[in-house]
């Protein structure tokens, strides 16, 4: 009985102590993901954004064709698989990060193959390399 009474105040005290322990310097140094700088370009006047994708059948089909070609290429990184493909009146804009210049060229080539020469605007960027784990 006395053991149970002691547990009744010991457990909450331990939990309260754990909650009030300040985070280690390593945890405090981590900052949340912030895409503010990347997304700034989308606020520029005349910038093409994903919400401007047209809903007509031909633009949707073109976007679908390009997206399928990108996703089916398993040599591309997940970055490349997730680029934005925005089609407006047959004009395709590619946006987002990829892992290398080769991926940038490959994604653009797939879009050009579907939309035609002169109908693709490549706004892809090469992401900085991932830090190595030590």
C-alpha atoms as a PDB file:
ATOM      1  CA  UNK A   1       0.000   0.000   0.000  1.00  0.00           C
ATOM      2  CA  UNK A   2       2.788   2.415   0.914  1.00  0.00           C
ATOM      3  CA  UNK A   3       4.615   1.469  -2.290  1.00  0.00           C
ATOM      4  CA  UNK A   4       1.594   2.468  -4.343  1.00  0.00           C
ATOM      5  CA  UNK A   5       1.354   5.820  -2.563  1.00  0.00           C
ATOM      6  CA  UNK A   6       5.010   6.499  -3.287  1.00  0.00           C
ATOM      7  CA  UNK A   7       4.483   5.638  -6.971  1.00  0.00           C
ATOM      8  CA  UNK A   8       1.551   8.039  -7.119  1.00  0.00           C
ATOM      9  CA  UNK A   9       3.830  11.009  -6.516  1.00  0.00           C
ATOM     10  CA  UNK A  10       7.094   9.605  -7.912  1.00  0.00           C
ATOM     11  CA  UNK A  11       5.833   8.990 -11.448  1.00  0.00           C
ATOM     12  CA  UNK A  12       4.358  12.494 -11.915  1.00  0.00           C
ATOM     13  CA  UNK A  13       7.549  13.990 -10.460  1.00  0.00           C
ATOM     14  CA  UNK A  14       9.709  12.062 -12.927  1.00  0.00           C
ATOM     15  CA  UNK A  15       7.494  13.041 -15.848  1.00  0.00           C
ATOM     16  CA  UNK A  16       7.482  16.690 -14.762  1.00  0.00           C
ATOM     17  CA  UNK A  17      11.259  16.616 -14.433  1.00  0.00           C
ATOM     18  CA  UNK A  18      11.648  15.116 -17.899  1.00  0.00           C
ATOM     19  CA  UNK A  19       9.411  17.764 -19.388  1.00  0.00           C
ATOM     20  CA  UNK A  20      11.307  20.611 -17.757  1.00  0.00           C
ATOM     21  CA  UNK A  21      14.771  19.400 -18.819  1.00  0.00           C
ATOM     22  CA  UNK A  22      16.087  21.812 -21.462  1.00  0.00           C
ATOM     23  CA  UNK A  23      16.875  20.362 -24.861  1.00  0.00           C
ATOM     24  CA  UNK A  24      20.480  19.581 -25.596  1.00  0.00           C
ATOM     25  CA  UNK A  25      22.414  22.133 -27.682  1.00  0.00           C
ATOM     26  CA  UNK A  26      22.341  19.721 -30.647  1.00  0.00           C
ATOM     27  CA  UNK A  27      18.541  19.599 -30.578  1.00  0.00           C
ATOM     28  CA  UNK A  28      18.217  23.365 -30.168  1.00  0.00           C
ATOM     29  CA  UNK A  29      20.538  23.922 -33.147  1.00  0.00           C
ATOM     30  CA  UNK A  30      18.204  22.093 -35.513  1.00  0.00           C
ATOM     31  CA  UNK A  31      15.877  24.418 -37.323  1.00  0.00           C
ATOM     32  CA  UNK A  32      12.647  23.455 -39.014  1.00  0.00           C
ATOM     33  CA  UNK A  33      12.568  23.165 -42.781  1.00  0.00           C
ATOM     34  CA  UNK A  34      12.097  26.571 -44.326  1.00  0.00           C
ATOM     35  CA  UNK A  35      11.378  26.930 -48.022  1.00  0.00           C
ATOM     36  CA  UNK A  36      10.829  30.675 -47.822  1.00  0.00           C
ATOM     37  CA  UNK A  37      13.781  31.510 -50.080  1.00  0.00           C
ATOM     38  CA  UNK A  38      12.831  28.855 -52.629  1.00  0.00           C
ATOM     39  CA  UNK A  39       9.189  29.895 -52.630  1.00  0.00           C
ATOM     40  CA  UNK A  40      10.054  33.578 -53.059  1.00  0.00           C
ATOM     41  CA  UNK A  41      10.462  33.043 -56.801  1.00  0.00           C
ATOM     42  CA  UNK A  42       6.839  31.885 -56.963  1.00  0.00           C
ATOM     43  CA  UNK A  43       5.687  35.246 -55.610  1.00  0.00           C
ATOM     44  CA  UNK A  44       7.274  37.217 -58.430  1.00  0.00           C
ATOM     45  CA  UNK A  45       4.818  38.898 -60.797  1.00  0.00           C
ATOM     46  CA  UNK A  46       4.119  36.596 -63.732  1.00  0.00           C
ATOM     47  CA  UNK A  47       5.600  33.519 -62.029  1.00  0.00           C
ATOM     48  CA  UNK A  48       3.945  30.275 -63.088  1.00  0.00           C
ATOM     49  CA  UNK A  49       2.710  28.230 -60.135  1.00  0.00           C
ATOM     50  CA  UNK A  50       1.054  24.830 -59.809  1.00  0.00           C
ATOM     51  CA  UNK A  51      -2.335  26.356 -59.029  1.00  0.00           C
ATOM     52  CA  UNK A  52      -2.328  27.865 -62.524  1.00  0.00           C
ATOM     53  CA  UNK A  53      -2.428  24.419 -64.182  1.00  0.00           C
ATOM     54  CA  UNK A  54      -5.193  24.514 -66.764  1.00  0.00           C
ATOM     55  CA  UNK A  55      -8.084  22.072 -66.503  1.00  0.00           C
ATOM     56  CA  UNK A  56      -8.667  21.601 -70.220  1.00  0.00           C
ATOM     57  CA  UNK A  57      -8.240  18.033 -71.449  1.00  0.00           C
ATOM     58  CA  UNK A  58      -5.234  18.663 -73.709  1.00  0.00           C
ATOM     59  CA  UNK A  59      -3.162  20.405 -71.000  1.00  0.00           C
ATOM     60  CA  UNK A  60      -4.055  17.771 -68.426  1.00  0.00           C
ATOM     61  CA  UNK A  61      -3.128  14.958 -70.836  1.00  0.00           C
ATOM     62  CA  UNK A  62       0.209  16.617 -71.656  1.00  0.00           C
ATOM     63  CA  UNK A  63       1.010  17.036 -67.956  1.00  0.00           C
ATOM     64  CA  UNK A  64       0.030  13.423 -67.313  1.00  0.00           C
ATOM     65  CA  UNK A  65       2.230  12.171 -70.171  1.00  0.00           C
ATOM     66  CA  UNK A  66       5.253  14.095 -68.893  1.00  0.00           C
ATOM     67  CA  UNK A  67       4.652  13.093 -65.269  1.00  0.00           C
ATOM     68  CA  UNK A  68       4.352   9.430 -66.250  1.00  0.00           C
ATOM     69  CA  UNK A  69       7.616   9.556 -68.241  1.00  0.00           C
ATOM     70  CA  UNK A  70       9.434  11.128 -65.300  1.00  0.00           C
ATOM     71  CA  UNK A  71       8.098   8.713 -62.674  1.00  0.00           C
ATOM     72  CA  UNK A  72       8.733   5.636 -64.828  1.00  0.00           C
ATOM     73  CA  UNK A  73      12.425   6.522 -65.103  1.00  0.00           C
ATOM     74  CA  UNK A  74      13.782   4.717 -62.037  1.00  0.00           C
ATOM     75  CA  UNK A  75      17.278   6.179 -62.599  1.00  0.00           C
ATOM     76  CA  UNK A  76      15.961   9.580 -61.455  1.00  0.00           C
ATOM     77  CA  UNK A  77      16.049  10.639 -57.801  1.00  0.00           C
ATOM     78  CA  UNK A  78      12.947  11.219 -55.710  1.00  0.00           C
ATOM     79  CA  UNK A  79      13.670  14.931 -56.142  1.00  0.00           C
ATOM     80  CA  UNK A  80      13.298  14.589 -59.921  1.00  0.00           C
ATOM     81  CA  UNK A  81      10.201  12.400 -59.541  1.00  0.00           C
ATOM     82  CA  UNK A  82       8.571  15.236 -57.597  1.00  0.00           C
ATOM     83  CA  UNK A  83       9.238  18.233 -59.841  1.00  0.00           C
ATOM     84  CA  UNK A  84       6.277  20.437 -60.679  1.00  0.00           C
ATOM     85  CA  UNK A  85       4.946  20.109 -64.215  1.00  0.00           C
ATOM     86  CA  UNK A  86       2.654  23.024 -65.049  1.00  0.00           C
ATOM     87  CA  UNK A  87       0.949  23.213 -68.428  1.00  0.00           C
ATOM     88  CA  UNK A  88      -0.848  26.306 -69.710  1.00  0.00           C
ATOM     89  CA  UNK A  89      -2.158  26.307 -73.277  1.00  0.00           C
ATOM     90  CA  UNK A  90       0.422  23.741 -74.387  1.00  0.00           C
ATOM     91  CA  UNK A  91       3.347  25.585 -72.771  1.00  0.00           C
ATOM     92  CA  UNK A  92       5.030  23.462 -70.070  1.00  0.00           C
ATOM     93  CA  UNK A  93       6.960  24.888 -67.121  1.00  0.00           C
ATOM     94  CA  UNK A  94       9.179  22.622 -65.025  1.00  0.00           C
ATOM     95  CA  UNK A  95       9.945  23.736 -61.461  1.00  0.00           C
ATOM     96  CA  UNK A  96      11.657  22.311 -58.423  1.00  0.00           C
ATOM     97  CA  UNK A  97      14.949  20.788 -57.358  1.00  0.00           C
ATOM     98  CA  UNK A  98      16.743  17.835 -58.920  1.00  0.00           C
ATOM     99  CA  UNK A  99      19.961  16.168 -57.778  1.00  0.00           C
ATOM    100  CA  UNK A 100      22.229  16.903 -60.767  1.00  0.00           C
ATOM    101  CA  UNK A 101      22.609  18.648 -64.108  1.00  0.00           C
ATOM    102  CA  UNK A 102      22.102  15.250 -65.785  1.00  0.00           C
ATOM    103  CA  UNK A 103      18.735  14.866 -64.077  1.00  0.00           C
ATOM    104  CA  UNK A 104      17.831  18.404 -65.063  1.00  0.00           C
ATOM    105  CA  UNK A 105      18.569  17.616 -68.714  1.00  0.00           C
ATOM    106  CA  UNK A 106      16.781  14.260 -68.531  1.00  0.00           C
ATOM    107  CA  UNK A 107      13.571  15.719 -67.096  1.00  0.00           C
ATOM    108  CA  UNK A 108      13.623  18.510 -69.664  1.00  0.00           C
ATOM    109  CA  UNK A 109      14.166  16.010 -72.504  1.00  0.00           C
ATOM    110  CA  UNK A 110      11.117  14.020 -71.401  1.00  0.00           C
ATOM    111  CA  UNK A 111       9.006  17.186 -71.372  1.00  0.00           C
ATOM    112  CA  UNK A 112      10.297  18.277 -74.803  1.00  0.00           C
ATOM    113  CA  UNK A 113       9.577  14.808 -76.214  1.00  0.00           C
ATOM    114  CA  UNK A 114       5.944  15.179 -75.135  1.00  0.00           C
ATOM    115  CA  UNK A 115       5.323  18.912 -75.668  1.00  0.00           C
ATOM    116  CA  UNK A 116       7.660  19.651 -78.574  1.00  0.00           C
ATOM    117  CA  UNK A 117      10.706  21.864 -79.008  1.00  0.00           C
ATOM    118  CA  UNK A 118      10.095  25.431 -77.860  1.00  0.00           C
ATOM    119  CA  UNK A 119       7.165  24.510 -75.604  1.00  0.00           C
ATOM    120  CA  UNK A 120       9.110  23.814 -72.394  1.00  0.00           C
ATOM    121  CA  UNK A 121      10.443  26.330 -69.888  1.00  0.00           C
ATOM    122  CA  UNK A 122      13.000  24.718 -67.607  1.00  0.00           C
ATOM    123  CA  UNK A 123      13.103  26.383 -64.173  1.00  0.00           C
ATOM    124  CA  UNK A 124      14.588  23.336 -62.438  1.00  0.00           C
ATOM    125  CA  UNK A 125      17.396  23.884 -59.949  1.00  0.00           C
ATOM    126  CA  UNK A 126      20.120  21.518 -58.780  1.00  0.00           C
ATOM    127  CA  UNK A 127      19.808  20.872 -55.045  1.00  0.00           C
ATOM    128  CA  UNK A 128      22.946  21.030 -52.940  1.00  0.00           C
ATOM    129  CA  UNK A 129      24.414  17.621 -52.124  1.00  0.00           C
ATOM    130  CA  UNK A 130      23.171  15.877 -49.004  1.00  0.00           C
ATOM    131  CA  UNK A 131      25.601  16.137 -46.080  1.00  0.00           C
ATOM    132  CA  UNK A 132      27.406  12.872 -45.529  1.00  0.00           C
ATOM    133  CA  UNK A 133      26.596  10.922 -42.372  1.00  0.00           C
ATOM    134  CA  UNK A 134      29.595  10.274 -40.189  1.00  0.00           C
END
